[in-house]
């Protein structure tokens, strides 16, 4: 259980929102996919349009079972000579094994580079300046990176990679360097004004941003449409991919209606609810909390929760335990605000 934001975290939260915060990326795994067929190969497996990616661009995607359930969510970056996949460490081995099973005659090679690189995220309005100073690039070049954009750089005389990220609730960048150089990278970021953001504060940023996390707000039983990630993770114009039939059936025949949906909950006061806490309407269970925190921006507890589809409209009144709560539109706090 990640603790709620403490009063002592208020400073790092404010810095992340107004200046530049440093967030550890120790939970990420990294896999490179090389070979001439890498884009077409991944295009047939993942939910987003990988085939059209060009060097310096990327996307967010999901990897599904044939039944449309999630195996993982991934950030996909075309670096020009390889594709870099960033995903959770807890699903990396499963994903690599499954991807390898679909390599037949394609010119595709998979490589686990999780321990080769170290990474930190720099988020906030001044993140581009901090990253640019660390890797020796003009700040306007870094700031111009589009969502999921990427570029090669150098740090401490060695190759580095800068990735534009949007999964932390506050826009920013991941910086990848050789694992041995990670302490030097932290020092460089601190020297340029970045302040460490503790885990609880990072969770507050993520939840305020309405960003679901795999194995917390999504898992192997989740259809992407339930988690609300379809607009970011699913291409509706590409060809076949694993699980597409189920997704198309729900979108076209079911008009996008699913039995449950991930929503925001705003609580008036009191303690932050536990993950798994039941949500009720008129004394009947209608869902449960997946993530919760105290929101420094809103000065109240907030949560992400799955609710039955009849109760997902913003403004719907429910209870968490015996405490009143209201369904809220996501994000709670607009990124970059």
Protein backbone atom coordinates (compact mmCIF):
# COMPACT_ATOMS: atom_id res chain seq x y z
CA UNK A 1 0.00 0.00 0.00
CA UNK A 2 1.48 3.34 -1.08
CA UNK A 3 1.02 5.91 1.70
CA UNK A 4 -1.05 9.03 1.14
CA UNK A 5 0.72 12.30 0.41
CA UNK A 6 2.11 13.69 3.65
CA UNK A 7 2.41 17.37 4.54
CA UNK A 8 6.16 16.98 4.05
CA UNK A 9 5.54 16.07 0.41
CA UNK A 10 3.75 19.35 -0.34
CA UNK A 11 6.99 20.99 -1.45
CA UNK A 12 7.93 18.32 -4.00
CA UNK A 13 4.34 18.29 -5.31
CA UNK A 14 4.43 22.05 -5.81
CA UNK A 15 7.80 21.84 -7.55
CA UNK A 16 6.56 19.09 -9.90
CA UNK A 17 3.52 21.16 -10.84
CA UNK A 18 5.28 24.52 -11.14
CA UNK A 19 8.94 23.78 -11.88
CA UNK A 20 10.61 20.35 -12.35
CA UNK A 21 10.27 17.15 -10.35
CA UNK A 22 12.38 13.98 -10.61
CA UNK A 23 10.50 10.67 -10.46
CA UNK A 24 12.25 7.30 -10.29
CA UNK A 25 11.50 4.80 -13.08
CA UNK A 26 12.67 1.67 -11.29
CA UNK A 27 9.40 -0.13 -12.07
CA UNK A 28 9.91 0.06 -15.83
CA UNK A 29 11.31 -2.64 -18.08
CA UNK A 30 12.75 -1.99 -21.52
CA UNK A 31 12.81 -4.28 -24.57
CA UNK A 32 14.32 -3.48 -27.97
CA UNK A 33 12.86 -4.91 -31.16
CA UNK A 34 15.28 -4.78 -34.08
CA UNK A 35 15.27 -6.00 -37.66
CA UNK A 36 13.77 -4.77 -40.92
CA UNK A 37 10.33 -6.23 -40.14
CA UNK A 38 10.01 -4.82 -36.62
CA UNK A 39 7.19 -2.36 -37.39
CA UNK A 40 5.01 -4.74 -39.42
CA UNK A 41 5.58 -7.50 -36.86
CA UNK A 42 4.47 -5.37 -33.91
CA UNK A 43 1.67 -3.83 -35.99
CA UNK A 44 -0.02 -7.24 -36.17
CA UNK A 45 0.23 -7.79 -32.41
CA UNK A 46 -0.40 -4.47 -30.69
CA UNK A 47 -3.55 -2.34 -30.71
CA UNK A 48 -2.10 0.89 -32.12
CA UNK A 49 -0.67 1.86 -35.50
CA UNK A 50 2.97 0.78 -35.34
CA UNK A 51 3.55 0.42 -39.08
CA UNK A 52 3.36 4.16 -39.72
CA UNK A 53 5.82 5.16 -36.99
CA UNK A 54 8.88 7.00 -38.23
CA UNK A 55 12.14 7.75 -36.45
CA UNK A 56 11.60 10.02 -33.48
CA UNK A 57 7.94 9.12 -33.00
CA UNK A 58 6.02 6.67 -30.86
CA UNK A 59 2.66 5.75 -29.40
CA UNK A 60 0.86 4.13 -26.49
CA UNK A 61 -0.55 0.65 -27.11
CA UNK A 62 -1.93 -2.47 -25.49
CA UNK A 63 -1.12 -6.13 -26.05
CA UNK A 64 -4.25 -8.29 -25.86
CA UNK A 65 -5.28 -11.91 -25.72
CA UNK A 66 -7.54 -13.22 -28.53
CA UNK A 67 -10.41 -12.63 -26.06
CA UNK A 68 -9.59 -8.91 -25.92
CA UNK A 69 -8.19 -8.99 -22.37
CA UNK A 70 -5.02 -7.10 -21.56
CA UNK A 71 -1.62 -8.76 -21.29
CA UNK A 72 0.12 -5.41 -20.82
CA UNK A 73 0.14 -1.78 -21.82
CA UNK A 74 3.27 -0.45 -23.49
CA UNK A 75 4.89 2.75 -24.66
CA UNK A 76 6.35 2.21 -28.13
CA UNK A 77 9.20 4.36 -29.49
CA UNK A 78 10.70 4.13 -32.98
CA UNK A 79 14.31 5.23 -32.48
CA UNK A 80 15.31 4.90 -36.13
CA UNK A 81 17.28 1.66 -35.96
CA UNK A 82 15.25 -0.19 -33.30
CA UNK A 83 11.89 0.07 -31.57
CA UNK A 84 12.03 0.51 -27.82
CA UNK A 85 9.18 -0.94 -25.76
CA UNK A 86 8.71 0.39 -22.23
CA UNK A 87 6.44 -1.65 -19.95
CA UNK A 88 6.12 -2.81 -16.38
CA UNK A 89 8.80 -5.07 -14.96
CA UNK A 90 6.11 -7.36 -13.58
CA UNK A 91 4.85 -8.23 -17.09
CA UNK A 92 8.11 -8.06 -19.02
CA UNK A 93 8.95 -11.78 -19.01
CA UNK A 94 5.42 -12.72 -20.07
CA UNK A 95 5.41 -10.19 -22.90
CA UNK A 96 8.86 -11.16 -24.20
CA UNK A 97 7.93 -14.85 -24.18
CA UNK A 98 4.69 -14.23 -26.07
CA UNK A 99 6.31 -11.88 -28.59
CA UNK A 100 9.04 -14.41 -29.26
CA UNK A 101 6.43 -17.08 -30.04
CA UNK A 102 5.21 -14.99 -33.00
CA UNK A 103 8.61 -14.61 -34.66
CA UNK A 104 8.66 -17.06 -37.56
CA UNK A 105 10.39 -15.99 -40.77
CA UNK A 106 10.34 -12.25 -39.99
CA UNK A 107 13.57 -10.30 -39.69
CA UNK A 108 12.95 -9.48 -36.02
CA UNK A 109 15.14 -9.79 -32.94
CA UNK A 110 14.11 -9.16 -29.33
CA UNK A 111 16.48 -7.92 -26.65
CA UNK A 112 15.88 -7.31 -22.95
CA UNK A 113 17.79 -4.13 -22.09
CA UNK A 114 16.09 -3.44 -18.76
CA UNK A 115 19.31 -3.61 -16.77
CA UNK A 116 21.43 -1.99 -19.47
CA UNK A 117 19.80 1.39 -18.94
CA UNK A 118 18.90 3.45 -15.93
CA UNK A 119 16.09 5.98 -16.21
CA UNK A 120 14.46 8.86 -14.40
CA UNK A 121 11.50 11.01 -15.37
CA UNK A 122 11.64 14.79 -15.21
CA UNK A 123 8.18 16.38 -15.14
CA UNK A 124 6.80 19.89 -14.87
CA UNK A 125 6.90 23.21 -16.75
CA UNK A 126 10.69 23.46 -16.48
CA UNK A 127 11.38 19.82 -17.34
CA UNK A 128 12.57 20.58 -20.88
CA UNK A 129 15.18 23.01 -19.58
CA UNK A 130 16.45 20.53 -16.98
CA UNK A 131 16.67 17.70 -19.52
CA UNK A 132 18.33 19.92 -22.12
CA UNK A 133 21.00 21.01 -19.66
CA UNK A 134 21.73 17.40 -18.70
CA UNK A 135 22.11 16.05 -22.25
CA UNK A 136 23.57 19.14 -23.91
CA UNK A 137 20.71 19.99 -26.26
CA UNK A 138 18.89 23.28 -26.87
CA UNK A 139 15.84 23.55 -24.61
CA UNK A 140 13.58 24.39 -27.56
CA UNK A 141 14.56 21.12 -29.28
CA UNK A 142 13.57 19.12 -26.21
CA UNK A 143 10.40 21.16 -25.67
CA UNK A 144 9.34 20.58 -29.30
CA UNK A 145 9.15 16.80 -28.90
CA UNK A 146 5.56 15.65 -29.57
CA UNK A 147 3.72 13.21 -27.34
CA UNK A 148 5.74 9.94 -27.39
CA UNK A 149 8.47 11.69 -29.39
CA UNK A 150 12.07 10.64 -28.81
CA UNK A 151 15.59 11.64 -29.67
CA UNK A 152 19.15 10.47 -29.25
CA UNK A 153 21.52 12.47 -27.09
CA UNK A 154 24.66 12.04 -25.01
CA UNK A 155 25.31 12.16 -21.30
CA UNK A 156 28.72 11.94 -19.68
CA UNK A 157 30.18 11.11 -23.08
CA UNK A 158 27.89 8.09 -23.54
CA UNK A 159 24.67 7.57 -25.54
CA UNK A 160 21.42 8.72 -23.94
CA UNK A 161 17.78 8.62 -25.04
CA UNK A 162 15.11 11.24 -24.30
CA UNK A 163 11.45 10.12 -24.41
CA UNK A 164 8.41 12.39 -24.20
CA UNK A 165 6.05 10.87 -21.62
CA UNK A 166 2.48 11.53 -20.54
CA UNK A 167 1.77 8.67 -18.14
CA UNK A 168 2.71 10.44 -14.90
CA UNK A 169 -0.12 12.96 -14.63
CA UNK A 170 2.23 15.87 -15.39
CA UNK A 171 3.90 16.15 -18.81
CA UNK A 172 7.60 15.44 -18.92
CA UNK A 173 10.44 13.29 -20.20
CA UNK A 174 12.16 10.02 -19.46
CA UNK A 175 15.94 10.16 -19.78
CA UNK A 176 17.71 6.84 -20.35
CA UNK A 177 21.44 6.49 -19.72
CA UNK A 178 23.84 3.64 -19.06
CA UNK A 179 22.91 2.10 -15.72
CA UNK A 180 26.26 3.03 -14.15
CA UNK A 181 25.67 6.70 -15.03
CA UNK A 182 22.27 6.96 -13.33
CA UNK A 183 23.62 8.59 -10.12
CA UNK A 184 25.40 11.20 -12.25
CA UNK A 185 22.17 11.88 -14.12
CA UNK A 186 20.30 12.45 -10.87
CA UNK A 187 23.03 14.85 -9.73
CA UNK A 188 22.84 16.76 -13.02
CA UNK A 189 19.06 17.06 -12.75
CA UNK A 190 19.31 18.28 -9.16
CA UNK A 191 21.97 20.80 -10.16
CA UNK A 192 19.57 22.20 -12.77
CA UNK A 193 16.78 22.61 -10.22
CA UNK A 194 14.85 19.32 -10.25
CA UNK A 195 13.56 18.13 -6.87
CA UNK A 196 12.98 14.47 -5.97
CA UNK A 197 9.33 13.42 -5.96
CA UNK A 198 8.57 10.60 -3.49
CA UNK A 199 6.40 7.63 -4.43
CA UNK A 200 3.25 8.85 -2.69
CA UNK A 201 3.45 12.25 -4.38
CA UNK A 202 4.06 10.62 -7.76
CA UNK A 203 0.91 8.56 -7.18
CA UNK A 204 -1.03 11.73 -6.37
CA UNK A 205 0.09 13.26 -9.69
CA UNK A 206 -0.90 10.11 -11.59
CA UNK A 207 -4.31 9.73 -9.98
CA UNK A 208 -5.11 13.43 -10.33
CA UNK A 209 -4.28 12.94 -14.02
CA UNK A 210 -6.66 9.97 -14.24
CA UNK A 211 -3.92 7.70 -15.61
CA UNK A 212 -4.58 3.99 -14.96
CA UNK A 213 -1.64 1.77 -14.03
CA UNK A 214 -1.36 -1.88 -14.98
CA UNK A 215 -1.75 -4.30 -12.07
CA UNK A 216 -3.37 -1.51 -10.08
CA UNK A 217 -6.21 -0.13 -12.20
CA UNK A 218 -5.97 -2.63 -15.06
CA UNK A 219 -5.04 -6.31 -15.15
CA UNK A 220 -5.34 -9.48 -17.20
CA UNK A 221 -9.15 -9.43 -16.85
CA UNK A 222 -9.49 -5.89 -18.22
CA UNK A 223 -10.74 -4.94 -21.67
CA UNK A 224 -9.11 -1.63 -22.71
CA UNK A 225 -12.52 -0.02 -23.19
CA UNK A 226 -13.29 -0.60 -19.51
CA UNK A 227 -10.16 1.32 -18.50
CA UNK A 228 -10.96 4.18 -20.87
CA UNK A 229 -7.65 4.00 -22.74
CA UNK A 230 -9.10 3.31 -26.20
CA UNK A 231 -8.64 6.84 -27.52
CA UNK A 232 -4.91 6.72 -26.76
CA UNK A 233 -4.07 3.05 -27.22
CA UNK A 234 -6.27 1.73 -30.04
CA UNK A 235 -6.18 2.58 -33.74
CA UNK A 236 -9.59 2.23 -35.40
CA UNK A 237 -8.15 2.39 -38.91
CA UNK A 238 -5.39 -0.22 -38.86
CA UNK A 239 -5.55 -3.82 -39.99
CA UNK A 240 -5.89 -6.91 -37.83
CA UNK A 241 -4.25 -7.33 -34.44
CA UNK A 242 -4.65 -9.85 -31.66
CA UNK A 243 -7.96 -9.26 -29.86
CA UNK A 244 -9.34 -6.88 -32.50
CA UNK A 245 -12.52 -8.89 -33.11
CA UNK A 246 -13.67 -8.42 -29.53
CA UNK A 247 -12.85 -4.71 -29.50
CA UNK A 248 -14.67 -4.07 -32.79
CA UNK A 249 -17.68 -6.08 -31.64
CA UNK A 250 -18.02 -3.97 -28.50
CA UNK A 251 -17.47 -0.69 -30.36
CA UNK A 252 -19.76 -1.35 -33.30
CA UNK A 253 -22.41 -3.79 -32.12
CA UNK A 254 -22.37 -2.76 -28.48
CA UNK A 255 -21.89 0.98 -29.23
CA UNK A 256 -18.92 0.99 -26.87
CA UNK A 257 -20.96 -0.05 -23.84
CA UNK A 258 -19.12 -2.24 -21.36
CA UNK A 259 -20.37 -3.73 -18.11
CA UNK A 260 -18.06 -1.57 -15.99
CA UNK A 261 -15.97 1.54 -16.46
CA UNK A 262 -13.03 3.18 -14.70
CA UNK A 263 -14.15 6.54 -13.27
CA UNK A 264 -12.99 9.15 -10.80
CA UNK A 265 -14.48 9.50 -7.32
CA UNK A 266 -14.30 12.68 -5.28
CA UNK A 267 -14.77 12.31 -1.52
CA UNK A 268 -15.68 15.19 0.73
CA UNK A 269 -13.31 14.50 3.60
CA UNK A 270 -11.84 11.83 5.84
CA UNK A 271 -9.20 9.22 5.25
CA UNK A 272 -8.04 8.03 1.85
CA UNK A 273 -9.97 4.83 1.01
CA UNK A 274 -8.13 1.54 0.67
CA UNK A 275 -7.67 -0.17 -2.68
CA UNK A 276 -10.50 -2.69 -2.96
CA UNK A 277 -12.95 -0.62 -0.90
CA UNK A 278 -16.52 -1.27 -2.04
CA UNK A 279 -18.52 1.46 -3.72
CA UNK A 280 -22.27 1.41 -3.11
CA UNK A 281 -25.43 3.06 -4.39
CA UNK A 282 -28.56 2.84 -2.25
CA UNK A 283 -26.89 0.15 -0.16
CA UNK A 284 -25.99 -2.05 -3.15
CA UNK A 285 -22.43 -2.81 -4.26
CA UNK A 286 -21.80 -1.20 -7.66
CA UNK A 287 -18.00 -1.21 -7.85
CA UNK A 288 -14.70 -0.93 -6.03
CA UNK A 289 -11.75 1.40 -5.63
CA UNK A 290 -8.50 0.58 -7.43
CA UNK A 291 -6.28 3.59 -6.58
CA UNK A 292 -6.75 6.43 -4.10
CA UNK A 293 -4.82 9.39 -2.73
CA UNK A 294 -5.18 12.76 -1.07
CA UNK A 295 -5.23 15.39 -3.81
CA UNK A 296 -3.08 18.41 -2.96
CA UNK A 297 -4.73 20.34 -5.80
CA UNK A 298 -8.30 19.63 -4.69
CA UNK A 299 -7.57 19.32 -0.96
CA UNK A 300 -9.66 16.19 -0.61
CA UNK A 301 -9.38 12.41 -1.08
CA UNK A 302 -9.88 11.18 -4.63
CA UNK A 303 -9.93 7.70 -6.15
CA UNK A 304 -10.07 5.71 -9.35
CA UNK A 305 -12.74 3.01 -9.25
CA UNK A 306 -14.58 0.59 -11.51
CA UNK A 307 -18.34 1.14 -11.40
CA UNK A 308 -21.20 -0.65 -13.12
CA UNK A 309 -22.17 1.19 -16.29
CA UNK A 310 -25.42 2.62 -14.88
CA UNK A 311 -23.47 4.66 -12.33
CA UNK A 312 -20.58 6.16 -14.31
CA UNK A 313 -22.01 9.58 -15.20
CA UNK A 314 -20.19 12.49 -13.54
CA UNK A 315 -22.25 13.81 -10.66
CA UNK A 316 -23.66 10.42 -9.67
CA UNK A 317 -23.75 10.13 -5.89
CA UNK A 318 -22.37 6.95 -4.31
CA UNK A 319 -20.81 5.93 -1.03
CA UNK A 320 -17.42 4.43 -0.20
CA UNK A 321 -17.95 2.62 3.07
CA UNK A 322 -20.27 5.02 4.88
CA UNK A 323 -18.78 8.14 3.28
CA UNK A 324 -20.46 10.09 0.48
CA UNK A 325 -18.62 10.37 -2.84
CA UNK A 326 -19.39 11.79 -6.25
CA UNK A 327 -18.41 10.40 -9.64
CA UNK A 328 -16.01 12.88 -11.24
CA UNK A 329 -14.85 13.35 -14.82
CA UNK A 330 -11.24 12.44 -15.55
CA UNK A 331 -8.72 13.90 -15.28
CA UNK A 332 -9.28 15.49 -11.89
CA UNK A 333 -6.50 17.96 -12.72
CA UNK A 334 -5.66 18.76 -16.34
CA UNK A 335 -2.02 17.92 -17.20
CA UNK A 336 0.14 21.00 -17.32
CA UNK A 337 -2.33 23.12 -15.37
